[in-house]
């Protein structure tokens, strides 16, 4: 099964494509989609274009995306929610099952601790995928963690199309 993990952000959205092969999980590709520094609508268009290109190139069987969480910045949450909306719409239009995971659930699945640090998550992602001491952008590492969470845990039911 090939999964496209997404860590949404309006300036930088991380992506990670993993696949289960013969009982092991391998990283097919990972990186970032740059939204740029323009207006929010322009950044959302760039993220939509980048996401659609990834779906076309890698033909994932499912999308795993991190849920938004309320930190201390409500404005940042609102922007991330708009970014997630664009990504969810693009995934639905591609007829892909969508699975959403809370940040603590992702960390617990990959590290065993819902309060794990970004460096702990990065270390475990590289270890689980045999990437050694790879220098991955944090957004890419986080998206790989979301994809791993999907493969390692029972998924939240896919969003049903009507």
Protein backbone atom coordinates (compact mmCIF):
# COMPACT_ATOMS: atom_id res chain seq x y z
CA UNK A 1 0.00 0.00 0.00
CA UNK A 2 1.34 3.43 -0.95
CA UNK A 3 0.48 6.33 1.36
CA UNK A 4 1.03 10.05 0.83
CA UNK A 5 1.53 11.75 4.19
CA UNK A 6 0.91 15.49 4.46
CA UNK A 7 2.02 18.05 7.06
CA UNK A 8 0.00 21.11 5.98
CA UNK A 9 1.35 24.64 6.07
CA UNK A 10 0.54 27.68 3.93
CA UNK A 11 4.18 28.60 3.36
CA UNK A 12 5.65 25.10 3.37
CA UNK A 13 3.66 21.87 3.20
CA UNK A 14 5.61 18.70 3.88
CA UNK A 15 4.94 15.50 1.98
CA UNK A 16 6.18 11.96 2.33
CA UNK A 17 5.39 8.95 0.17
CA UNK A 18 5.91 5.55 1.76
CA UNK A 19 5.05 2.05 0.67
CA UNK A 20 4.83 -1.35 2.27
CA UNK A 21 6.84 -3.90 0.32
CA UNK A 22 7.38 -7.50 1.36
CA UNK A 23 6.77 -6.79 5.03
CA UNK A 24 8.91 -3.66 5.21
CA UNK A 25 8.13 0.01 4.79
CA UNK A 26 10.20 2.12 2.41
CA UNK A 27 10.37 5.82 1.67
CA UNK A 28 9.60 6.46 -1.99
CA UNK A 29 10.02 10.24 -1.84
CA UNK A 30 9.67 13.17 0.52
CA UNK A 31 10.10 16.89 0.46
CA UNK A 32 8.16 20.10 0.58
CA UNK A 33 5.64 22.00 -1.49
CA UNK A 34 6.48 25.69 -1.32
CA UNK A 35 3.54 28.04 -1.02
CA UNK A 36 5.86 31.01 -1.31
CA UNK A 37 5.59 34.39 0.32
CA UNK A 38 2.75 35.87 -1.73
CA UNK A 39 -0.85 36.39 -0.70
CA UNK A 40 -2.68 33.51 0.96
CA UNK A 41 -4.78 32.78 -2.14
CA UNK A 42 -1.60 32.57 -4.25
CA UNK A 43 0.06 30.26 -1.70
CA UNK A 44 -3.02 28.03 -1.67
CA UNK A 45 -2.93 27.75 -5.47
CA UNK A 46 0.76 26.77 -5.35
CA UNK A 47 0.06 24.13 -2.69
CA UNK A 48 -2.90 22.76 -4.65
CA UNK A 49 -0.78 22.55 -7.83
CA UNK A 50 2.05 20.83 -5.97
CA UNK A 51 -0.27 18.36 -4.26
CA UNK A 52 -2.00 17.43 -7.52
CA UNK A 53 1.39 16.84 -9.17
CA UNK A 54 2.37 14.49 -6.32
CA UNK A 55 -0.86 12.52 -6.64
CA UNK A 56 -0.33 12.20 -10.38
CA UNK A 57 3.33 11.16 -10.03
CA UNK A 58 3.02 8.68 -7.14
CA UNK A 59 -0.58 7.37 -7.39
CA UNK A 60 -1.06 6.86 -3.65
CA UNK A 61 -3.74 4.49 -2.35
CA UNK A 62 -4.53 6.85 0.54
CA UNK A 63 -3.82 10.28 1.97
CA UNK A 64 -2.83 10.70 5.63
CA UNK A 65 -2.95 14.29 6.84
CA UNK A 66 -2.20 15.90 10.17
CA UNK A 67 -5.11 17.62 11.91
CA UNK A 68 -4.85 21.25 12.85
CA UNK A 69 -4.39 21.94 16.53
CA UNK A 70 -5.07 25.05 18.54
CA UNK A 71 -1.81 26.47 19.75
CA UNK A 72 -1.50 29.97 21.04
CA UNK A 73 -1.93 31.63 17.65
CA UNK A 74 -5.52 31.58 16.41
CA UNK A 75 -4.58 33.37 13.18
CA UNK A 76 -2.03 30.65 12.33
CA UNK A 77 -4.68 28.00 13.04
CA UNK A 78 -7.11 29.74 10.68
CA UNK A 79 -4.51 29.86 7.88
CA UNK A 80 -3.54 26.21 8.44
CA UNK A 81 -7.20 25.24 8.37
CA UNK A 82 -7.61 26.92 4.99
CA UNK A 83 -4.55 25.07 3.71
CA UNK A 84 -5.96 21.78 4.99
CA UNK A 85 -9.26 22.56 3.27
CA UNK A 86 -7.52 22.98 -0.09
CA UNK A 87 -5.61 19.70 0.42
CA UNK A 88 -8.71 17.79 1.52
CA UNK A 89 -10.65 19.07 -1.47
CA UNK A 90 -7.87 18.09 -3.89
CA UNK A 91 -7.65 14.61 -2.32
CA UNK A 92 -11.41 14.14 -2.52
CA UNK A 93 -11.43 15.28 -6.16
CA UNK A 94 -8.76 12.64 -6.85
CA UNK A 95 -11.11 10.07 -5.24
CA UNK A 96 -8.55 9.17 -2.59
CA UNK A 97 -9.44 7.96 0.90
CA UNK A 98 -8.49 10.59 3.48
CA UNK A 99 -7.28 9.71 6.98
CA UNK A 100 -6.70 12.41 9.58
CA UNK A 101 -4.45 12.15 12.63
CA UNK A 102 -3.88 14.44 15.59
CA UNK A 103 -0.25 15.51 16.20
CA UNK A 104 -0.13 13.65 19.53
CA UNK A 105 -1.46 10.49 17.86
CA UNK A 106 1.26 10.69 15.20
CA UNK A 107 4.00 11.15 17.81
CA UNK A 108 2.64 8.32 19.95
CA UNK A 109 2.48 6.00 16.93
CA UNK A 110 6.02 6.72 15.73
CA UNK A 111 7.91 7.43 18.97
CA UNK A 112 5.67 5.88 21.62
CA UNK A 113 5.18 9.23 23.36
CA UNK A 114 2.51 11.77 22.37
CA UNK A 115 4.67 14.58 23.75
CA UNK A 116 7.79 13.65 21.77
CA UNK A 117 10.01 16.43 20.41
CA UNK A 118 10.53 17.10 16.72
CA UNK A 119 14.07 15.70 16.98
CA UNK A 120 12.76 12.47 18.52
CA UNK A 121 10.21 12.13 15.73
CA UNK A 122 12.88 12.80 13.08
CA UNK A 123 15.21 10.21 14.62
CA UNK A 124 12.51 7.52 14.70
CA UNK A 125 11.29 8.29 11.18
CA UNK A 126 14.83 7.93 9.81
CA UNK A 127 15.35 4.78 11.85
CA UNK A 128 12.07 3.13 10.83
CA UNK A 129 12.57 3.94 7.15
CA UNK A 130 16.29 3.12 7.05
CA UNK A 131 17.23 6.65 6.08
CA UNK A 132 20.25 6.74 8.36
CA UNK A 133 21.27 10.22 9.36
CA UNK A 134 19.44 11.79 6.47
CA UNK A 135 19.11 15.57 6.57
CA UNK A 136 15.42 15.93 5.85
CA UNK A 137 13.47 19.17 6.14
CA UNK A 138 11.36 19.11 9.33
CA UNK A 139 8.14 19.36 7.31
CA UNK A 140 9.13 16.30 5.26
CA UNK A 141 10.02 14.35 8.42
CA UNK A 142 6.66 15.25 9.96
CA UNK A 143 4.77 14.15 6.84
CA UNK A 144 6.60 10.81 6.81
CA UNK A 145 5.59 10.39 10.46
CA UNK A 146 1.94 10.99 9.51
CA UNK A 147 2.19 8.37 6.74
CA UNK A 148 3.84 5.89 9.14
CA UNK A 149 1.11 6.54 11.68
CA UNK A 150 -1.45 5.56 9.07
CA UNK A 151 0.30 2.29 8.29
CA UNK A 152 1.01 1.46 11.95
CA UNK A 153 -2.32 2.31 13.53
CA UNK A 154 -5.96 1.71 12.88
CA UNK A 155 -7.01 4.65 10.76
CA UNK A 156 -9.81 7.03 11.59
CA UNK A 157 -12.54 6.05 9.11
CA UNK A 158 -12.04 7.59 5.69
CA UNK A 159 -14.16 10.60 4.81
CA UNK A 160 -17.07 9.25 2.78
CA UNK A 161 -18.05 10.87 -0.48
CA UNK A 162 -21.73 11.46 -1.05
